[in-house]
Amino acid sequence: MPELPAAPRINPSILAADFANMQADLARIATADYVHVDVMDNHFVPNLTFGPQMVERVQATSPIPLDVHLMIADPDRWAPGYAELGAASVTFHLEAATEPVALARRLRAIGARAGVAVKPATPVEGLYDILDDFDQILVMTVEPGFGGQSFMPETMPKLRRLADEARRRGSAVWLQVDGGIAASTIEQAAEAGADTFVAGSAVFGAADPEAAIAGLRATAAQHRH
């Protein structure tokens, strides 16, 4: 019998959490797969969030593993430090990295899953020959920098091409989407090939975050590529 695909992964973004009650909000998403942690430096993107100290605190209090998304300049220098803090997954931007494959190998050597992200306008074709150097590819479905933006459906053909190529090559790379993911958009992303979904307000803004996570996961499973 062929192996069944893993259930879709739901990774709530703490950009939508209550920073004054972070530990309590993290407890509300204990049924999620990972907690998505957006690090922004006000250089690569026009916003500033937090750095290693905050990530270390989240790591200490989170009931689920950390999926760190680095929207920062010079990830070749800074990304390994987040893996050393214990993050389960560290994703850096292709547009910011000087040596993405070498950096991914370094992250893996430390013990983290290595991810690479691409902005909406960045082609994915350059990743085809190096798919297996990464554990995850994040296709941004908004311009990186701010939470609460509207999902960009024009990114879906790119995601579909990437998913088709990964399948053709037999790659086990995870395909993640981030930006505007909610009950109304997760269906499109799943049909285009995503298996890992970052959701912010759709989870933390829900009266029952666990029910929201279960609903998103069920919808994605129903419409998987």
C-alpha atoms as a PDB file:
ATOM      1  CA  MET A   1       0.000   0.000   0.000  1.00  0.00           C
ATOM      2  CA  PRO A   2       1.340   3.478  -0.785  1.00  0.00           C
ATOM      3  CA  GLU A   3       2.157   5.584   2.256  1.00  0.00           C
ATOM      4  CA  LEU A   4      -0.568   8.085   3.062  1.00  0.00           C
ATOM      5  CA  PRO A   5       0.528  11.734   3.065  1.00  0.00           C
ATOM      6  CA  ALA A   6       0.897  13.405   6.423  1.00  0.00           C
ATOM      7  CA  ALA A   7      -1.997  15.500   7.663  1.00  0.00           C
ATOM      8  CA  PRO A   8      -1.730  19.156   6.673  1.00  0.00           C
ATOM      9  CA  ARG A   9       0.322  21.157   9.155  1.00  0.00           C
ATOM     10  CA  ILE A  10      -1.150  24.291  10.754  1.00  0.00           C
ATOM     11  CA  ASN A  11       1.387  26.750  12.156  1.00  0.00           C
ATOM     12  CA  PRO A  12      -0.255  29.748  13.881  1.00  0.00           C
ATOM     13  CA  SER A  13       1.742  32.985  13.642  1.00  0.00           C
ATOM     14  CA  ILE A  14       2.469  34.743  16.913  1.00  0.00           C
ATOM     15  CA  LEU A  15       2.273  38.080  15.093  1.00  0.00           C
ATOM     16  CA  ALA A  16      -1.455  37.715  15.800  1.00  0.00           C
ATOM     17  CA  ALA A  17      -0.996  36.685  19.442  1.00  0.00           C
ATOM     18  CA  ASP A  18      -1.334  38.869  22.527  1.00  0.00           C
ATOM     19  CA  PHE A  19       2.275  39.713  23.347  1.00  0.00           C
ATOM     20  CA  ALA A  20       1.326  40.708  26.914  1.00  0.00           C
ATOM     21  CA  ASN A  21      -0.095  37.221  27.493  1.00  0.00           C
ATOM     22  CA  MET A  22       2.163  35.172  25.245  1.00  0.00           C
ATOM     23  CA  GLN A  23       2.406  32.094  27.432  1.00  0.00           C
ATOM     24  CA  ALA A  24      -1.380  31.868  27.768  1.00  0.00           C
ATOM     25  CA  ASP A  25      -1.884  32.389  24.043  1.00  0.00           C
ATOM     26  CA  LEU A  26       0.667  29.697  23.234  1.00  0.00           C
ATOM     27  CA  ALA A  27      -1.234  27.282  25.470  1.00  0.00           C
ATOM     28  CA  ARG A  28      -4.381  27.963  23.410  1.00  0.00           C
ATOM     29  CA  ILE A  29      -2.708  26.573  20.246  1.00  0.00           C
ATOM     30  CA  ALA A  30      -1.255  23.392  21.725  1.00  0.00           C
ATOM     31  CA  THR A  31      -3.002  21.294  19.052  1.00  0.00           C
ATOM     32  CA  ALA A  32      -1.172  23.085  16.230  1.00  0.00           C
ATOM     33  CA  ASP A  33       1.883  21.541  14.608  1.00  0.00           C
ATOM     34  CA  TYR A  34       4.336  24.403  15.090  1.00  0.00           C
ATOM     35  CA  VAL A  35       4.205  27.995  16.252  1.00  0.00           C
ATOM     36  CA  HIS A  36       5.338  30.349  13.486  1.00  0.00           C
ATOM     37  CA  VAL A  37       7.696  33.036  14.751  1.00  0.00           C
ATOM     38  CA  ASP A  38       8.291  36.022  12.450  1.00  0.00           C
ATOM     39  CA  VAL A  39      11.613  37.781  12.990  1.00  0.00           C
ATOM     40  CA  MET A  40      11.868  41.133  11.160  1.00  0.00           C
ATOM     41  CA  ASP A  41      14.814  43.530  11.232  1.00  0.00           C
ATOM     42  CA  ASN A  42      13.389  46.752   9.700  1.00  0.00           C
ATOM     43  CA  HIS A  43      15.973  46.345   6.950  1.00  0.00           C
ATOM     44  CA  PHE A  44      15.030  43.390   4.753  1.00  0.00           C
ATOM     45  CA  VAL A  45      11.395  44.284   5.455  1.00  0.00           C
ATOM     46  CA  PRO A  46       9.983  47.637   6.649  1.00  0.00           C
ATOM     47  CA  ASN A  47       8.967  46.374  10.069  1.00  0.00           C
ATOM     48  CA  LEU A  48      10.656  45.437  13.324  1.00  0.00           C
ATOM     49  CA  THR A  49       9.451  42.629  15.561  1.00  0.00           C
ATOM     50  CA  PHE A  50      11.914  40.913  17.870  1.00  0.00           C
ATOM     51  CA  GLY A  51      15.173  39.026  17.934  1.00  0.00           C
ATOM     52  CA  PRO A  52      16.879  36.108  19.644  1.00  0.00           C
ATOM     53  CA  GLN A  53      15.864  37.008  23.199  1.00  0.00           C
ATOM     54  CA  MET A  54      12.154  36.880  22.390  1.00  0.00           C
ATOM     55  CA  VAL A  55      12.567  33.691  20.378  1.00  0.00           C
ATOM     56  CA  GLU A  56      14.415  32.114  23.277  1.00  0.00           C
ATOM     57  CA  ARG A  57      11.539  33.053  25.606  1.00  0.00           C
ATOM     58  CA  VAL A  58       8.942  31.603  23.230  1.00  0.00           C
ATOM     59  CA  GLN A  59      11.058  28.469  22.912  1.00  0.00           C
ATOM     60  CA  ALA A  60      11.039  28.106  26.711  1.00  0.00           C
ATOM     61  CA  THR A  61       7.253  28.472  27.060  1.00  0.00           C
ATOM     62  CA  SER A  62       5.779  26.986  23.880  1.00  0.00           C
ATOM     63  CA  PRO A  63       4.060  23.587  24.088  1.00  0.00           C
ATOM     64  CA  ILE A  64       4.842  22.965  20.392  1.00  0.00           C
ATOM     65  CA  PRO A  65       8.020  23.331  18.286  1.00  0.00           C
ATOM     66  CA  LEU A  66       9.111  26.653  16.792  1.00  0.00           C
ATOM     67  CA  ASP A  67       8.966  27.393  13.066  1.00  0.00           C
ATOM     68  CA  VAL A  68      11.121  30.528  12.818  1.00  0.00           C
ATOM     69  CA  HIS A  69      10.765  32.721   9.719  1.00  0.00           C
ATOM     70  CA  LEU A  70      13.668  35.139   9.343  1.00  0.00           C
ATOM     71  CA  MET A  71      12.743  38.245   7.360  1.00  0.00           C
ATOM     72  CA  ILE A  72      16.199  39.680   7.911  1.00  0.00           C
ATOM     73  CA  ALA A  73      19.267  40.794   6.014  1.00  0.00           C
ATOM     74  CA  ASP A  74      22.431  38.682   6.162  1.00  0.00           C
ATOM     75  CA  PRO A  75      20.854  35.403   7.277  1.00  0.00           C
ATOM     76  CA  ASP A  76      24.141  33.668   6.450  1.00  0.00           C
ATOM     77  CA  ARG A  77      25.460  35.328   9.607  1.00  0.00           C
ATOM     78  CA  TRP A  78      22.397  35.329  11.856  1.00  0.00           C
ATOM     79  CA  ALA A  79      20.271  32.287  11.022  1.00  0.00           C
ATOM     80  CA  PRO A  80      22.460  29.643  12.726  1.00  0.00           C
ATOM     81  CA  GLY A  81      21.970  31.395  16.064  1.00  0.00           C
ATOM     82  CA  TYR A  82      18.248  30.700  15.939  1.00  0.00           C
ATOM     83  CA  ALA A  83      18.899  27.023  15.286  1.00  0.00           C
ATOM     84  CA  GLU A  84      21.250  27.020  18.270  1.00  0.00           C
ATOM     85  CA  LEU A  85      18.420  28.380  20.450  1.00  0.00           C
ATOM     86  CA  GLY A  86      16.540  25.149  19.732  1.00  0.00           C
ATOM     87  CA  ALA A  87      14.122  26.195  16.987  1.00  0.00           C
ATOM     88  CA  ALA A  88      12.846  23.088  15.228  1.00  0.00           C
ATOM     89  CA  SER A  89      12.758  24.849  11.856  1.00  0.00           C
ATOM     90  CA  VAL A  90      14.567  27.959  10.605  1.00  0.00           C
ATOM     91  CA  THR A  91      13.533  29.572   7.317  1.00  0.00           C
ATOM     92  CA  PHE A  92      15.526  32.363   5.677  1.00  0.00           C
ATOM     93  CA  HIS A  93      14.780  34.340   2.524  1.00  0.00           C
ATOM     94  CA  LEU A  94      16.368  33.334  -0.760  1.00  0.00           C
ATOM     95  CA  GLU A  95      16.550  37.017  -1.704  1.00  0.00           C
ATOM     96  CA  ALA A  96      18.698  37.799   1.366  1.00  0.00           C
ATOM     97  CA  ALA A  97      21.073  34.835   1.478  1.00  0.00           C
ATOM     98  CA  THR A  98      24.498  34.846  -0.139  1.00  0.00           C
ATOM     99  CA  GLU A  99      25.027  31.069  -0.023  1.00  0.00           C
ATOM    100  CA  PRO A 100      21.613  29.462   0.560  1.00  0.00           C
ATOM    101  CA  VAL A 101      22.685  25.849   0.146  1.00  0.00           C
ATOM    102  CA  ALA A 102      25.673  26.213   2.483  1.00  0.00           C
ATOM    103  CA  LEU A 103      23.451  27.967   5.024  1.00  0.00           C
ATOM    104  CA  ALA A 104      20.803  25.230   4.831  1.00  0.00           C
ATOM    105  CA  ARG A 105      23.466  22.600   5.439  1.00  0.00           C
ATOM    106  CA  ARG A 106      24.731  24.512   8.451  1.00  0.00           C
ATOM    107  CA  LEU A 107      21.232  24.747   9.929  1.00  0.00           C
ATOM    108  CA  ARG A 108      20.746  21.016   9.446  1.00  0.00           C
ATOM    109  CA  ALA A 109      24.101  20.294  11.045  1.00  0.00           C
ATOM    110  CA  ILE A 110      23.003  22.211  14.150  1.00  0.00           C
ATOM    111  CA  GLY A 111      19.819  20.140  14.266  1.00  0.00           C
ATOM    112  CA  ALA A 112      17.093  22.343  12.764  1.00  0.00           C
ATOM    113  CA  ARG A 113      15.008  21.791   9.672  1.00  0.00           C
ATOM    114  CA  ALA A 114      16.232  24.194   6.998  1.00  0.00           C
ATOM    115  CA  GLY A 115      13.710  26.296   5.100  1.00  0.00           C
ATOM    116  CA  VAL A 116      13.970  28.858   2.336  1.00  0.00           C
ATOM    117  CA  ALA A 117      11.338  31.509   1.598  1.00  0.00           C
ATOM    118  CA  VAL A 118      10.522  33.421  -1.576  1.00  0.00           C
ATOM    119  CA  LYS A 119       8.628  36.693  -1.933  1.00  0.00           C
ATOM    120  CA  PRO A 120       5.581  36.836  -4.240  1.00  0.00           C
ATOM    121  CA  ALA A 121       7.584  38.181  -7.199  1.00  0.00           C
ATOM    122  CA  THR A 122      10.542  35.797  -6.835  1.00  0.00           C
ATOM    123  CA  PRO A 123      10.577  32.889  -9.332  1.00  0.00           C
ATOM    124  CA  VAL A 124      10.818  29.371  -7.919  1.00  0.00           C
ATOM    125  CA  GLU A 125      12.482  27.766 -10.931  1.00  0.00           C
ATOM    126  CA  GLY A 126      15.947  28.450  -9.477  1.00  0.00           C
ATOM    127  CA  LEU A 127      15.114  26.139  -6.578  1.00  0.00           C
ATOM    128  CA  TYR A 128      14.311  23.079  -8.691  1.00  0.00           C
ATOM    129  CA  ASP A 129      17.825  21.651  -8.790  1.00  0.00           C
ATOM    130  CA  ILE A 130      18.414  22.210  -5.064  1.00  0.00           C
ATOM    131  CA  LEU A 131      15.046  21.105  -3.649  1.00  0.00           C
ATOM    132  CA  ASP A 132      16.553  18.408  -1.474  1.00  0.00           C
ATOM    133  CA  ASP A 133      18.939  20.847   0.174  1.00  0.00           C
ATOM    134  CA  PHE A 134      15.895  22.200   2.023  1.00  0.00           C
ATOM    135  CA  ASP A 135      13.311  20.653   4.312  1.00  0.00           C
ATOM    136  CA  GLN A 136      10.755  23.364   3.591  1.00  0.00           C
ATOM    137  CA  ILE A 137      10.071  25.991   0.945  1.00  0.00           C
ATOM    138  CA  LEU A 138       7.890  28.908   1.979  1.00  0.00           C
ATOM    139  CA  VAL A 139       5.972  30.616  -0.815  1.00  0.00           C
ATOM    140  CA  MET A 140       4.858  33.976   0.541  1.00  0.00           C
ATOM    141  CA  THR A 141       1.238  34.717  -0.307  1.00  0.00           C
ATOM    142  CA  VAL A 142       1.598  38.358   0.777  1.00  0.00           C
ATOM    143  CA  GLU A 143       4.514  40.780   0.685  1.00  0.00           C
ATOM    144  CA  PRO A 144       6.541  40.000   3.812  1.00  0.00           C
ATOM    145  CA  GLY A 145       6.619  42.538   6.596  1.00  0.00           C
ATOM    146  CA  PHE A 146       3.178  42.868   8.156  1.00  0.00           C
ATOM    147  CA  GLY A 147       0.447  40.582   9.424  1.00  0.00           C
ATOM    148  CA  GLY A 148      -3.181  40.938   8.434  1.00  0.00           C
ATOM    149  CA  GLN A 149      -2.630  41.375   4.693  1.00  0.00           C
ATOM    150  CA  SER A 150      -4.908  39.965   1.999  1.00  0.00           C
ATOM    151  CA  PHE A 151      -4.036  36.649   0.351  1.00  0.00           C
ATOM    152  CA  MET A 152      -2.551  37.015  -3.148  1.00  0.00           C
ATOM    153  CA  PRO A 153      -4.125  34.355  -5.418  1.00  0.00           C
ATOM    154  CA  GLU A 154      -1.667  35.270  -8.186  1.00  0.00           C
ATOM    155  CA  THR A 155       1.019  33.361  -6.236  1.00  0.00           C
ATOM    156  CA  MET A 156      -0.818  30.050  -6.680  1.00  0.00           C
ATOM    157  CA  PRO A 157       0.471  29.142 -10.187  1.00  0.00           C
ATOM    158  CA  LYS A 158       4.026  29.442  -8.877  1.00  0.00           C
ATOM    159  CA  LEU A 159       3.199  27.196  -5.931  1.00  0.00           C
ATOM    160  CA  ARG A 160       1.585  24.660  -8.243  1.00  0.00           C
ATOM    161  CA  ARG A 161       4.664  24.551 -10.510  1.00  0.00           C
ATOM    162  CA  LEU A 162       6.856  24.013  -7.478  1.00  0.00           C
ATOM    163  CA  ALA A 163       4.614  21.241  -6.145  1.00  0.00           C
ATOM    164  CA  ASP A 164       4.533  19.503  -9.515  1.00  0.00           C
ATOM    165  CA  GLU A 165       8.322  19.678  -9.797  1.00  0.00           C
ATOM    166  CA  ALA A 166       8.816  18.375  -6.257  1.00  0.00           C
ATOM    167  CA  ARG A 167       6.522  15.445  -7.011  1.00  0.00           C
ATOM    168  CA  ARG A 168       8.285  14.758 -10.314  1.00  0.00           C
ATOM    169  CA  ARG A 169      11.630  14.616  -8.536  1.00  0.00           C
ATOM    170  CA  GLY A 170      10.318  12.546  -5.628  1.00  0.00           C
ATOM    171  CA  SER A 171      11.238  15.272  -3.169  1.00  0.00           C
ATOM    172  CA  ALA A 172       9.958  15.159   0.406  1.00  0.00           C
ATOM    173  CA  VAL A 173      10.283  18.940   0.842  1.00  0.00           C
ATOM    174  CA  TRP A 174       7.411  20.590   2.706  1.00  0.00           C
ATOM    175  CA  LEU A 175       5.633  23.423   0.866  1.00  0.00           C
ATOM    176  CA  GLN A 176       4.499  26.189   3.167  1.00  0.00           C
ATOM    177  CA  VAL A 177       2.323  29.254   2.536  1.00  0.00           C
ATOM    178  CA  ASP A 178       2.179  32.354   4.696  1.00  0.00           C
ATOM    179  CA  GLY A 179      -0.071  35.370   4.345  1.00  0.00           C
ATOM    180  CA  GLY A 180      -3.828  35.800   4.430  1.00  0.00           C
ATOM    181  CA  ILE A 181      -4.442  32.113   5.175  1.00  0.00           C
ATOM    182  CA  ALA A 182      -7.937  31.573   6.544  1.00  0.00           C
ATOM    183  CA  ALA A 183     -10.934  29.294   6.019  1.00  0.00           C
ATOM    184  CA  SER A 184     -11.710  31.171   2.797  1.00  0.00           C
ATOM    185  CA  THR A 185      -8.224  30.845   1.251  1.00  0.00           C
ATOM    186  CA  ILE A 186      -6.657  27.641   2.570  1.00  0.00           C
ATOM    187  CA  GLU A 187      -8.603  25.629  -0.003  1.00  0.00           C
ATOM    188  CA  GLN A 188      -6.818  27.410  -2.900  1.00  0.00           C
ATOM    189  CA  ALA A 189      -3.409  26.926  -1.313  1.00  0.00           C
ATOM    190  CA  ALA A 190      -4.007  23.230  -0.631  1.00  0.00           C
ATOM    191  CA  GLU A 191      -5.226  22.628  -4.180  1.00  0.00           C
ATOM    192  CA  ALA A 192      -2.058  24.314  -5.483  1.00  0.00           C
ATOM    193  CA  GLY A 193       0.137  21.950  -3.460  1.00  0.00           C
ATOM    194  CA  ALA A 194       0.811  23.466  -0.051  1.00  0.00           C
ATOM    195  CA  ASP A 195       0.932  21.082   2.902  1.00  0.00           C
ATOM    196  CA  THR A 196       2.014  23.504   5.649  1.00  0.00           C
ATOM    197  CA  PHE A 197      -0.032  26.610   6.435  1.00  0.00           C
ATOM    198  CA  VAL A 198       0.753  29.696   8.486  1.00  0.00           C
ATOM    199  CA  ALA A 199      -2.386  31.310   9.893  1.00  0.00           C
ATOM    200  CA  GLY A 200      -2.484  34.323  12.179  1.00  0.00           C
ATOM    201  CA  SER A 201      -5.744  36.020  13.029  1.00  0.00           C
ATOM    202  CA  ALA A 202      -7.714  33.059  11.656  1.00  0.00           C
ATOM    203  CA  VAL A 203      -6.477  31.132  14.710  1.00  0.00           C
ATOM    204  CA  PHE A 204      -5.625  33.654  17.423  1.00  0.00           C
ATOM    205  CA  GLY A 205      -8.659  35.800  16.558  1.00  0.00           C
ATOM    206  CA  ALA A 206     -11.029  32.853  16.877  1.00  0.00           C
ATOM    207  CA  ALA A 207     -13.158  32.311  19.970  1.00  0.00           C
ATOM    208  CA  ASP A 208     -11.919  28.705  20.016  1.00  0.00           C
ATOM    209  CA  PRO A 209      -8.402  28.487  18.520  1.00  0.00           C
ATOM    210  CA  GLU A 210      -8.317  24.680  18.766  1.00  0.00           C
ATOM    211  CA  ALA A 211     -11.529  24.424  16.744  1.00  0.00           C
ATOM    212  CA  ALA A 212     -10.121  26.893  14.216  1.00  0.00           C
ATOM    213  CA  ILE A 213      -6.954  24.794  13.853  1.00  0.00           C
ATOM    214  CA  ALA A 214      -9.003  21.621  13.387  1.00  0.00           C
ATOM    215  CA  GLY A 215     -11.220  23.309  10.808  1.00  0.00           C
ATOM    216  CA  LEU A 216      -8.287  24.641   8.789  1.00  0.00           C
ATOM    217  CA  ARG A 217      -6.578  21.244   8.880  1.00  0.00           C
ATOM    218  CA  ALA A 218      -9.744  19.456   7.732  1.00  0.00           C
ATOM    219  CA  THR A 219     -10.344  21.879   4.864  1.00  0.00           C
ATOM    220  CA  ALA A 220      -6.741  21.595   3.687  1.00  0.00           C
ATOM    221  CA  ALA A 221      -6.896  17.799   3.839  1.00  0.00           C
ATOM    222  CA  GLN A 222     -10.091  17.761   1.794  1.00  0.00           C
ATOM    223  CA  HIS A 223      -8.538  19.884  -0.961  1.00  0.00           C
ATOM    224  CA  ARG A 224      -4.964  18.617  -0.973  1.00  0.00           C
ATOM    225  CA  HIS A 225      -3.138  18.593  -4.305  1.00  0.00           C
END
